Each structure stands twice: as structure tokens, then as C-alpha cells.
Amino acid sequence: MRASFLWILSAAVGLTACTDGSGGTATESTSGAASATDSTTSGTATDGTATGTGTDTDTGTGTDTDGTALPGCECVIVETDHSLTSPSLPLCGDQVCPIVTGSCEGYCDVDPLVLGSPEALTCALTALRDRTPGLVRWSWSQNGGQFTDSGYILIKEDGQAIHRGWGFADLSFNVDAARLGDLAPAATYDACLGIADDAERFNCLRDSSVSGDMICDEGWSGDNGI
């Protein structure tokens, strides 16, 4: 995913502006392929409790020793079939906006991004800014789907959120871990809403992530080639 960009952005501009998200390129590894390593890194303390993975020793990700979901992870399905190229959506949370879609006919560093609905993007960024409980989703592609980036953020009633992204780079796919934590400051999304360029504004959504290390379900990757 492109998540680290938005956090660096927030610190650099003092939460007053959102700079160029740089858009997708033909060489871009989508859906957080660059973060697949840290998304799947696990660790447990000597007492068997989780140290940032959302798991206890000898249990499934996002569950306690008795098989129940850890606090905050109750809505996330723990996936066991890692041949899937996309994860299940959360079990709870109404979708607060239409899915934000955008694509480039060729590569996005050459061809312009066409938004399916600018209003849907405005709705999604506003929901993130205001911490509106519910589900925000997006789907981006370039060059006829050669590279894709999809994802969701589930905004919880307590203001925390669960983030997950996934996508293709040629025939390879990557599914990020479902991560629970805090959203970027509200002022970050307010600055994003003020950006005129559709691609940059969409990148603000795609770059969104959460700051916490609690993992509700581990990520995976694979090759969907023939």
C-alpha cells in the first residue's frame, strides 16, 4: 500500500496541506506489496501474549487462546485460503459512501485518471476526516487492470479503524494484513479535500492507513499466472 506516504505527509506539512501523491506508475507495486514484509511479521512475548500481531501463541491471527477474536478485531474474518486474490469484507459496518473507483486507460504517469464519481471520493475523505462509523472502499487500476489497488477502511465507533488493501501487479497479487489502529489526524483529510487534481486527491485515500501495530488477520501474496 501507499500508506506510509500520508503519515510522512502529515508530519511534513504540519497538517495544513497534502502534496502530490505521485499517482500509480507502471513500475508501482500495488496494494502494499512494499509493505508485505512488515504486514506479515509476527512476534510474541515470552509470556505468550501478542506483541503487535493480534495473536497469542499457537492461535489463529486476530484470536485469543480460546479462539475468540481479540478486542477490536471482531468484524474481521480470519482467512485460511490464501489462494484467494482478495480478502473478505468485514462482517459489520455499513458502507457509508459508494465505492470510490478510478482508472487510467494506459499507465497513470501518461494517461489521466478518470474517477467514477468525484462525489464518492469527497464522501470517503469526509468520512475519514469526521470519523463517521462505517466502511469506506476504493478500487483503482491502470493499463486495463495490469496494476490494481483495492482496499477498505472500517471506521469504528470509538474512532479507531481497520485498514486492509490488496491488488495485482501483472500476474502477482498481494493482500495486506488487516491492521487496527488510529487514522491520520482530521486536518490531513481536510487538506486532501482541498486538492483540485483528481489523481492526487484519490491518492490521499489510497495512501490512508492506520498507525497501530495490531494485526487482525495476516496478509499473503501469490502468483495467479497460468
Protein backbone atom coordinates (compact mmCIF):
# COMPACT_ATOMS: atom_id res chain seq x y z
CA MET A 1 0.00 0.00 0.00
CA ARG A 2 0.95 3.61 -0.23
CA ALA A 3 0.15 4.16 3.46
CA SER A 4 3.49 5.47 4.71
CA PHE A 5 3.29 8.45 2.35
CA LEU A 6 0.28 10.01 4.06
CA TRP A 7 1.84 9.75 7.51
CA ILE A 8 5.07 11.34 6.32
CA LEU A 9 2.92 13.95 4.58
CA SER A 10 1.07 14.84 7.79
CA ALA A 11 4.31 15.48 9.67
CA ALA A 12 5.95 17.41 6.85
CA VAL A 13 3.22 19.92 6.17
CA GLY A 14 2.04 20.46 9.74
CA LEU A 15 -1.35 19.11 8.80
CA THR A 16 -2.03 22.06 6.57
CA ALA A 17 -1.67 20.62 3.08
CA CYS A 18 -1.46 17.38 1.18
CA THR A 19 1.20 17.24 -1.53
CA ASP A 20 1.44 15.27 -4.75
CA GLY A 21 0.60 11.58 -4.11
CA SER A 22 2.62 10.80 -7.31
CA GLY A 23 -0.07 8.53 -8.75
CA GLY A 24 0.34 4.95 -9.86
CA THR A 25 3.03 4.03 -12.40
CA ALA A 26 3.77 1.01 -14.48
CA THR A 27 6.51 0.04 -12.04
CA GLU A 28 4.42 0.61 -8.97
CA SER A 29 3.88 -2.44 -6.75
CA THR A 30 0.26 -2.05 -5.84
CA SER A 31 -1.74 -2.90 -2.76
CA GLY A 32 1.13 -2.50 -0.36
CA ALA A 33 3.47 -5.06 -1.93
CA ALA A 34 6.30 -2.99 -0.49
CA SER A 35 4.81 -3.44 2.97
CA ALA A 36 4.11 -7.15 2.68
CA THR A 37 7.13 -7.91 4.86
CA ASP A 38 6.11 -5.82 7.84
CA SER A 39 2.46 -6.79 7.33
CA THR A 40 3.30 -10.43 7.98
CA THR A 41 5.99 -10.05 10.60
CA SER A 42 4.92 -11.60 13.86
CA GLY A 43 6.28 -11.64 17.35
CA THR A 44 5.18 -12.85 20.76
CA ALA A 45 6.42 -12.03 24.22
CA THR A 46 7.83 -14.73 26.48
CA ASP A 47 4.51 -14.95 28.29
CA GLY A 48 2.77 -15.88 25.03
CA THR A 49 0.89 -12.61 24.63
CA ALA A 50 0.80 -10.69 21.39
CA THR A 51 3.46 -8.09 20.62
CA GLY A 52 1.77 -6.28 17.79
CA THR A 53 0.40 -9.18 15.74
CA GLY A 54 -3.08 -9.54 17.24
CA THR A 55 -2.39 -13.18 18.12
CA ASP A 56 -1.43 -15.30 21.08
CA THR A 57 0.90 -18.29 20.87
CA ASP A 58 -0.49 -21.24 18.88
CA THR A 59 -3.67 -19.43 17.90
CA GLY A 60 -5.02 -18.01 14.65
CA THR A 61 -4.34 -14.40 13.81
CA GLY A 62 -6.76 -12.00 15.46
CA THR A 63 -7.93 -14.56 18.02
CA ASP A 64 -7.18 -15.27 21.67
CA THR A 65 -6.16 -18.66 23.04
CA ASP A 66 -9.79 -19.73 23.31
CA GLY A 67 -10.45 -18.88 19.64
CA THR A 68 -12.38 -15.68 20.29
CA ALA A 69 -11.49 -12.51 18.40
CA LEU A 70 -9.25 -10.02 20.12
CA PRO A 71 -10.87 -6.72 21.11
CA GLY A 72 -11.35 -4.54 18.05
CA CYS A 73 -10.93 -7.42 15.58
CA GLU A 74 -14.37 -8.95 15.93
CA CYS A 75 -15.51 -7.85 12.47
CA VAL A 76 -12.55 -9.30 10.57
CA ILE A 77 -12.70 -12.78 9.08
CA VAL A 78 -9.51 -14.77 9.62
CA GLU A 79 -8.78 -16.10 6.14
CA THR A 80 -7.45 -19.64 5.77
CA ASP A 81 -7.50 -19.93 1.96
CA HIS A 82 -4.50 -17.93 0.80
CA SER A 83 -5.11 -18.77 -2.82
CA LEU A 84 -7.75 -16.04 -2.76
CA THR A 85 -6.69 -12.87 -4.57
CA SER A 86 -8.87 -10.65 -2.38
CA PRO A 87 -9.98 -10.93 1.25
CA SER A 88 -13.48 -10.98 2.70
CA LEU A 89 -15.06 -7.70 3.67
CA PRO A 90 -15.67 -7.03 7.39
CA LEU A 91 -18.69 -8.67 8.97
CA CYS A 92 -20.01 -5.39 10.37
CA GLY A 93 -20.17 -1.73 9.44
CA ASP A 94 -22.47 -0.16 6.88
CA GLN A 95 -20.89 1.24 3.75
CA VAL A 96 -21.04 4.99 4.29
CA CYS A 97 -20.20 6.03 0.70
CA PRO A 98 -20.30 4.48 -2.76
CA ILE A 99 -17.11 2.61 -3.69
CA VAL A 100 -14.56 5.11 -4.95
CA THR A 101 -13.36 3.97 -8.38
CA GLY A 102 -10.71 5.38 -10.68
CA SER A 103 -8.71 4.11 -13.63
CA CYS A 104 -6.25 5.14 -16.32
CA GLU A 105 -6.67 3.76 -19.83
CA GLY A 106 -2.93 3.26 -20.09
CA TYR A 107 -0.39 3.96 -17.39
CA CYS A 108 -1.27 6.72 -14.99
CA ASP A 109 2.01 8.56 -15.49
CA VAL A 110 0.90 9.12 -19.11
CA ASP A 111 -2.90 8.93 -19.22
CA PRO A 112 -5.21 10.87 -16.91
CA LEU A 113 -7.11 9.22 -14.10
CA VAL A 114 -10.86 9.04 -14.68
CA LEU A 115 -12.92 8.99 -11.49
CA GLY A 116 -16.14 7.02 -11.48
CA SER A 117 -17.68 9.57 -9.14
CA PRO A 118 -15.90 12.63 -7.70
CA GLU A 119 -18.74 12.85 -5.18
CA ALA A 120 -17.92 9.36 -3.86
CA LEU A 121 -14.30 10.41 -3.27
CA THR A 122 -15.41 13.56 -1.45
CA CYS A 123 -17.75 11.45 0.68
CA ALA A 124 -14.97 8.98 1.57
CA LEU A 125 -12.42 11.65 2.56
CA THR A 126 -15.09 13.48 4.56
CA ALA A 127 -16.00 10.27 6.41
CA LEU A 128 -12.34 9.72 7.29
CA ARG A 129 -11.97 13.31 8.45
CA ASP A 130 -15.11 13.18 10.58
CA ARG A 131 -14.56 9.60 11.81
CA THR A 132 -18.01 8.59 10.54
CA PRO A 133 -18.53 4.97 11.66
CA GLY A 134 -18.80 2.55 8.75
CA LEU A 135 -16.98 1.18 5.74
CA VAL A 136 -15.06 3.18 3.12
CA ARG A 137 -13.89 1.32 0.00
CA TRP A 138 -11.89 2.06 -3.15
CA SER A 139 -10.77 0.40 -6.39
CA TRP A 140 -8.02 1.77 -8.67
CA SER A 141 -6.45 0.34 -11.82
CA GLN A 142 -4.22 1.22 -14.73
CA ASN A 143 -3.45 -0.22 -18.17
CA GLY A 144 -6.56 -2.36 -18.38
CA GLY A 145 -6.12 -3.88 -14.92
CA GLN A 146 -2.45 -4.83 -15.24
CA PHE A 147 -1.94 -3.00 -11.95
CA THR A 148 -4.73 -2.68 -9.40
CA ASP A 149 -5.17 -1.35 -5.89
CA SER A 150 -8.29 -2.00 -3.84
CA GLY A 151 -8.97 -1.63 -0.17
CA TYR A 152 -11.21 -0.70 2.71
CA ILE A 153 -11.11 1.23 5.94
CA LEU A 154 -13.62 0.26 8.61
CA ILE A 155 -14.13 3.27 10.89
CA LYS A 156 -15.15 2.06 14.33
CA GLU A 157 -17.46 3.74 16.83
CA ASP A 158 -14.52 4.55 19.12
CA GLY A 159 -12.70 6.43 16.33
CA GLN A 160 -10.16 3.70 15.62
CA ALA A 161 -10.14 1.98 12.24
CA ILE A 162 -9.20 -1.24 10.47
CA HIS A 163 -7.33 -0.88 7.18
CA ARG A 164 -6.76 -3.52 4.51
CA GLY A 165 -5.54 -3.29 0.92
CA TRP A 166 -4.96 -5.73 -1.91
CA GLY A 167 -4.18 -5.74 -5.61
CA PHE A 168 -2.34 -7.06 -8.65
CA ALA A 169 0.99 -6.22 -10.25
CA ASP A 170 0.90 -8.14 -13.53
CA LEU A 171 0.08 -11.73 -12.52
CA SER A 172 1.25 -11.40 -8.93
CA PHE A 173 -1.17 -10.44 -6.19
CA ASN A 174 -0.74 -9.19 -2.66
CA VAL A 175 -3.18 -8.96 0.23
CA ASP A 176 -2.12 -6.71 3.10
CA ALA A 177 -2.74 -7.60 6.71
CA ALA A 178 -5.93 -6.26 8.27
CA ARG A 179 -4.49 -3.75 10.73
CA LEU A 180 -6.23 -1.99 13.64
CA GLY A 181 -5.10 1.44 14.78
CA ASP A 182 -5.57 5.19 14.61
CA LEU A 183 -6.32 7.20 11.47
CA ALA A 184 -4.27 10.20 10.37
CA PRO A 185 -5.30 13.49 12.02
CA ALA A 186 -8.54 15.00 10.75
CA ALA A 187 -6.66 18.01 9.36
CA THR A 188 -4.82 15.71 6.94
CA TYR A 189 -8.07 14.67 5.26
CA ASP A 190 -9.33 18.23 5.34
CA ALA A 191 -6.25 19.24 3.35
CA CYS A 192 -6.84 16.37 0.93
CA LEU A 193 -10.37 17.61 0.27
CA GLY A 194 -8.92 20.90 -0.90
CA ILE A 195 -6.78 19.36 -3.65
CA ALA A 196 -8.11 20.10 -7.13
CA ASP A 197 -6.39 17.29 -9.06
CA ASP A 198 -8.48 14.09 -9.12
CA ALA A 199 -5.48 11.72 -9.13
CA GLU A 200 -3.77 13.46 -6.21
CA ARG A 201 -7.00 13.55 -4.23
CA PHE A 202 -7.60 9.84 -4.91
CA ASN A 203 -4.03 9.12 -3.78
CA CYS A 204 -4.89 10.70 -0.44
CA LEU A 205 -7.47 7.96 0.01
CA ARG A 206 -5.22 5.20 -1.32
CA ASP A 207 -2.37 6.37 0.94
CA SER A 208 -4.55 6.27 4.04
CA SER A 209 -3.66 3.73 6.68
CA VAL A 210 -3.65 3.35 10.44
CA SER A 211 -0.83 3.88 12.90
CA GLY A 212 -1.29 0.85 15.14
CA ASP A 213 0.52 -2.49 15.04
CA MET A 214 -2.40 -4.73 16.00
CA ILE A 215 -2.99 -7.24 13.18
CA CYS A 216 -6.44 -8.81 12.99
CA ASP A 217 -5.57 -11.09 10.05
CA GLU A 218 -2.20 -11.67 8.40
CA GLY A 219 -1.62 -10.82 4.77
CA TRP A 220 -0.43 -13.07 1.96
CA SER A 221 0.74 -12.98 -1.64
CA GLY A 222 0.93 -15.26 -4.64
CA ASP A 223 1.08 -15.67 -8.39
CA ASN A 224 -2.09 -16.03 -10.43
CA GLY A 225 -0.21 -16.98 -13.60
CA ILE A 226 -1.08 -19.92 -15.80
